[in-house]
Amino acid sequence: QVQLVESGGGLVQAGDSLRLSCAASRSIFTIYAMGWYRQAPGKQRELVARISRIGITNYADSVKGRFTISRDNAKNTVYLQMNSLKPEDTGNYYCSADLTGAAELYWGQGTQVTVSS
């Protein structure tokens, strides 16, 4: 098991940047994959970015070229650098951990990102 705590959300203007952090309660070195999801009001939760244990990354088309996911195994932390933010990026951002590749995800409590136009 793992506990995840997100931080770094806030209210920003369009074009601004934010960096989200996800601190894990245990070593992330062996965790199969970690990711960031977001959920806007009235919409389903969607994958934003994902990083595998060996550093392979995947991004939603809507954030490619603007967001970067990274992991610091020494700090047991995963980051999401978000640049050129748009109002449509607004939502509650959740960190996830897939420990073994079986797609059983652990979730953090979320951090709110609001982008004003």
C-alpha atoms as a PDB file:
ATOM      1  CA  GLN A   1       0.000   0.000   0.000  1.00  0.00           C
ATOM      2  CA  VAL A   2       0.935   3.649  -0.318  1.00  0.00           C
ATOM      3  CA  GLN A   3      -0.449   6.979   0.849  1.00  0.00           C
ATOM      4  CA  LEU A   4      -0.204   9.915  -1.525  1.00  0.00           C
ATOM      5  CA  VAL A   5      -0.365  13.599  -0.648  1.00  0.00           C
ATOM      6  CA  GLU A   6      -0.696  16.233  -3.369  1.00  0.00           C
ATOM      7  CA  SER A   7       0.236  19.888  -3.061  1.00  0.00           C
ATOM      8  CA  GLY A   8       0.883  22.908  -5.221  1.00  0.00           C
ATOM      9  CA  GLY A   9      -2.546  23.723  -6.568  1.00  0.00           C
ATOM     10  CA  GLY A  10      -3.971  27.213  -6.606  1.00  0.00           C
ATOM     11  CA  LEU A  11      -5.653  29.999  -8.508  1.00  0.00           C
ATOM     12  CA  VAL A  12      -3.689  31.345 -11.464  1.00  0.00           C
ATOM     13  CA  GLN A  13      -4.295  33.275 -14.652  1.00  0.00           C
ATOM     14  CA  ALA A  14      -4.217  31.873 -18.151  1.00  0.00           C
ATOM     15  CA  GLY A  15      -0.641  31.576 -19.353  1.00  0.00           C
ATOM     16  CA  ASP A  16       0.791  31.078 -15.874  1.00  0.00           C
ATOM     17  CA  SER A  17       2.638  28.039 -14.566  1.00  0.00           C
ATOM     18  CA  LEU A  18       2.199  25.744 -11.580  1.00  0.00           C
ATOM     19  CA  ARG A  19       4.100  22.764 -10.260  1.00  0.00           C
ATOM     20  CA  LEU A  20       2.179  20.047  -8.478  1.00  0.00           C
ATOM     21  CA  SER A  21       3.890  17.636  -6.105  1.00  0.00           C
ATOM     22  CA  CYS A  22       2.842  14.194  -4.950  1.00  0.00           C
ATOM     23  CA  ALA A  23       4.626  12.844  -1.900  1.00  0.00           C
ATOM     24  CA  ALA A  24       4.430   9.100  -1.313  1.00  0.00           C
ATOM     25  CA  SER A  25       4.573   7.366   2.057  1.00  0.00           C
ATOM     26  CA  ARG A  26       7.034   4.753   0.816  1.00  0.00           C
ATOM     27  CA  SER A  27       9.763   4.360  -1.735  1.00  0.00           C
ATOM     28  CA  ILE A  28       8.506   4.904  -5.281  1.00  0.00           C
ATOM     29  CA  PHE A  29      11.527   3.247  -6.866  1.00  0.00           C
ATOM     30  CA  THR A  30       9.697  -0.007  -7.453  1.00  0.00           C
ATOM     31  CA  ILE A  31       6.233   1.388  -8.113  1.00  0.00           C
ATOM     32  CA  TYR A  32       5.153   0.271 -11.589  1.00  0.00           C
ATOM     33  CA  ALA A  33       3.740   3.622 -12.662  1.00  0.00           C
ATOM     34  CA  MET A  34       2.569   6.894 -11.201  1.00  0.00           C
ATOM     35  CA  GLY A  35       0.250   9.384 -12.744  1.00  0.00           C
ATOM     36  CA  TRP A  36      -1.762  12.557 -12.538  1.00  0.00           C
ATOM     37  CA  TYR A  37      -5.459  12.654 -13.271  1.00  0.00           C
ATOM     38  CA  ARG A  38      -7.856  15.563 -13.184  1.00  0.00           C
ATOM     39  CA  GLN A  39     -11.574  15.969 -12.775  1.00  0.00           C
ATOM     40  CA  ALA A  40     -13.500  19.048 -13.780  1.00  0.00           C
ATOM     41  CA  PRO A  41     -16.983  19.762 -12.390  1.00  0.00           C
ATOM     42  CA  GLY A  42     -19.554  17.573 -14.088  1.00  0.00           C
ATOM     43  CA  LYS A  43     -16.932  15.588 -15.978  1.00  0.00           C
ATOM     44  CA  GLN A  44     -15.265  12.227 -15.561  1.00  0.00           C
ATOM     45  CA  ARG A  45     -11.797  11.878 -14.143  1.00  0.00           C
ATOM     46  CA  GLU A  46      -9.245  11.779 -16.966  1.00  0.00           C
ATOM     47  CA  LEU A  47      -5.609  10.842 -17.250  1.00  0.00           C
ATOM     48  CA  VAL A  48      -3.314  13.843 -17.647  1.00  0.00           C
ATOM     49  CA  ALA A  49       0.133  12.273 -17.489  1.00  0.00           C
ATOM     50  CA  ARG A  50       1.762   9.027 -16.462  1.00  0.00           C
ATOM     51  CA  ILE A  51       5.339   7.944 -15.797  1.00  0.00           C
ATOM     52  CA  SER A  52       6.530   4.372 -15.550  1.00  0.00           C
ATOM     53  CA  ARG A  53       9.115   2.923 -13.212  1.00  0.00           C
ATOM     54  CA  ILE A  54      11.701   3.192 -15.983  1.00  0.00           C
ATOM     55  CA  GLY A  55      10.751   6.734 -16.918  1.00  0.00           C
ATOM     56  CA  ILE A  56       8.495   6.236 -19.903  1.00  0.00           C
ATOM     57  CA  THR A  57       5.932   9.041 -20.034  1.00  0.00           C
ATOM     58  CA  ASN A  58       2.483   9.407 -21.568  1.00  0.00           C
ATOM     59  CA  TYR A  59       0.378  12.546 -21.849  1.00  0.00           C
ATOM     60  CA  ALA A  60      -3.155  13.458 -22.749  1.00  0.00           C
ATOM     61  CA  ASP A  61      -3.226  15.157 -26.139  1.00  0.00           C
ATOM     62  CA  SER A  62      -4.620  18.307 -24.539  1.00  0.00           C
ATOM     63  CA  VAL A  63      -1.511  18.848 -22.404  1.00  0.00           C
ATOM     64  CA  LYS A  64       1.286  17.636 -24.680  1.00  0.00           C
ATOM     65  CA  GLY A  65       4.007  20.248 -24.992  1.00  0.00           C
ATOM     66  CA  ARG A  66       2.745  22.163 -21.946  1.00  0.00           C
ATOM     67  CA  PHE A  67       2.903  19.694 -19.040  1.00  0.00           C
ATOM     68  CA  THR A  68       5.835  17.591 -17.874  1.00  0.00           C
ATOM     69  CA  ILE A  69       5.677  14.715 -15.409  1.00  0.00           C
ATOM     70  CA  SER A  70       8.792  13.666 -13.527  1.00  0.00           C
ATOM     71  CA  ARG A  71       9.752  11.563 -10.552  1.00  0.00           C
ATOM     72  CA  ASP A  72      12.429  11.972  -7.895  1.00  0.00           C
ATOM     73  CA  ASN A  73      12.965   8.538  -6.405  1.00  0.00           C
ATOM     74  CA  ALA A  74      15.259   9.906  -3.701  1.00  0.00           C
ATOM     75  CA  LYS A  75      12.452  12.142  -2.417  1.00  0.00           C
ATOM     76  CA  ASN A  76       9.629   9.673  -3.094  1.00  0.00           C
ATOM     77  CA  THR A  77       7.907  12.436  -5.011  1.00  0.00           C
ATOM     78  CA  VAL A  78       6.302  12.840  -8.410  1.00  0.00           C
ATOM     79  CA  TYR A  79       5.870  16.252  -9.999  1.00  0.00           C
ATOM     80  CA  LEU A  80       3.662  17.754 -12.657  1.00  0.00           C
ATOM     81  CA  GLN A  81       5.046  20.941 -14.177  1.00  0.00           C
ATOM     82  CA  MET A  82       2.224  22.797 -15.875  1.00  0.00           C
ATOM     83  CA  ASN A  83       3.064  25.676 -18.216  1.00  0.00           C
ATOM     84  CA  SER A  84       0.893  27.882 -20.409  1.00  0.00           C
ATOM     85  CA  LEU A  85      -2.152  27.033 -18.352  1.00  0.00           C
ATOM     86  CA  LYS A  86      -5.580  27.425 -19.913  1.00  0.00           C
ATOM     87  CA  PRO A  87      -9.010  27.816 -18.307  1.00  0.00           C
ATOM     88  CA  GLU A  88      -9.869  24.318 -19.521  1.00  0.00           C
ATOM     89  CA  ASP A  89      -7.082  22.958 -17.298  1.00  0.00           C
ATOM     90  CA  THR A  90      -9.208  23.837 -14.279  1.00  0.00           C
ATOM     91  CA  GLY A  91     -10.067  20.885 -12.069  1.00  0.00           C
ATOM     92  CA  ASN A  92      -9.141  18.799  -9.089  1.00  0.00           C
ATOM     93  CA  TYR A  93      -5.828  17.079  -9.769  1.00  0.00           C
ATOM     94  CA  TYR A  94      -5.222  13.646  -8.273  1.00  0.00           C
ATOM     95  CA  CYS A  95      -2.008  11.692  -7.947  1.00  0.00           C
ATOM     96  CA  SER A  96      -2.194   7.954  -8.543  1.00  0.00           C
ATOM     97  CA  ALA A  97       0.054   4.960  -8.013  1.00  0.00           C
ATOM     98  CA  ASP A  98      -0.147   1.620  -9.801  1.00  0.00           C
ATOM     99  CA  LEU A  99       2.031  -0.572  -7.642  1.00  0.00           C
ATOM    100  CA  THR A 100       2.305  -3.690  -9.769  1.00  0.00           C
ATOM    101  CA  GLY A 101       0.872  -2.996 -13.213  1.00  0.00           C
ATOM    102  CA  ALA A 102      -2.414  -4.662 -12.342  1.00  0.00           C
ATOM    103  CA  ALA A 103      -4.135  -1.279 -12.696  1.00  0.00           C
ATOM    104  CA  GLU A 104      -5.307  -1.211  -9.092  1.00  0.00           C
ATOM    105  CA  LEU A 105      -4.730   2.461  -8.387  1.00  0.00           C
ATOM    106  CA  TYR A 106      -4.107   4.233  -5.128  1.00  0.00           C
ATOM    107  CA  TRP A 107      -5.211   7.859  -4.974  1.00  0.00           C
ATOM    108  CA  GLY A 108      -4.345  11.020  -3.134  1.00  0.00           C
ATOM    109  CA  GLN A 109      -6.948  13.457  -1.860  1.00  0.00           C
ATOM    110  CA  GLY A 110      -6.490  15.876  -4.747  1.00  0.00           C
ATOM    111  CA  THR A 111      -5.390  19.462  -5.152  1.00  0.00           C
ATOM    112  CA  GLN A 112      -7.498  22.124  -6.842  1.00  0.00           C
ATOM    113  CA  VAL A 113      -6.208  24.036  -9.841  1.00  0.00           C
ATOM    114  CA  THR A 114      -8.223  26.977 -11.085  1.00  0.00           C
ATOM    115  CA  VAL A 115      -7.175  28.916 -14.169  1.00  0.00           C
ATOM    116  CA  SER A 116      -8.932  32.202 -14.812  1.00  0.00           C
ATOM    117  CA  SER A 117      -9.176  33.760 -18.247  1.00  0.00           C
END
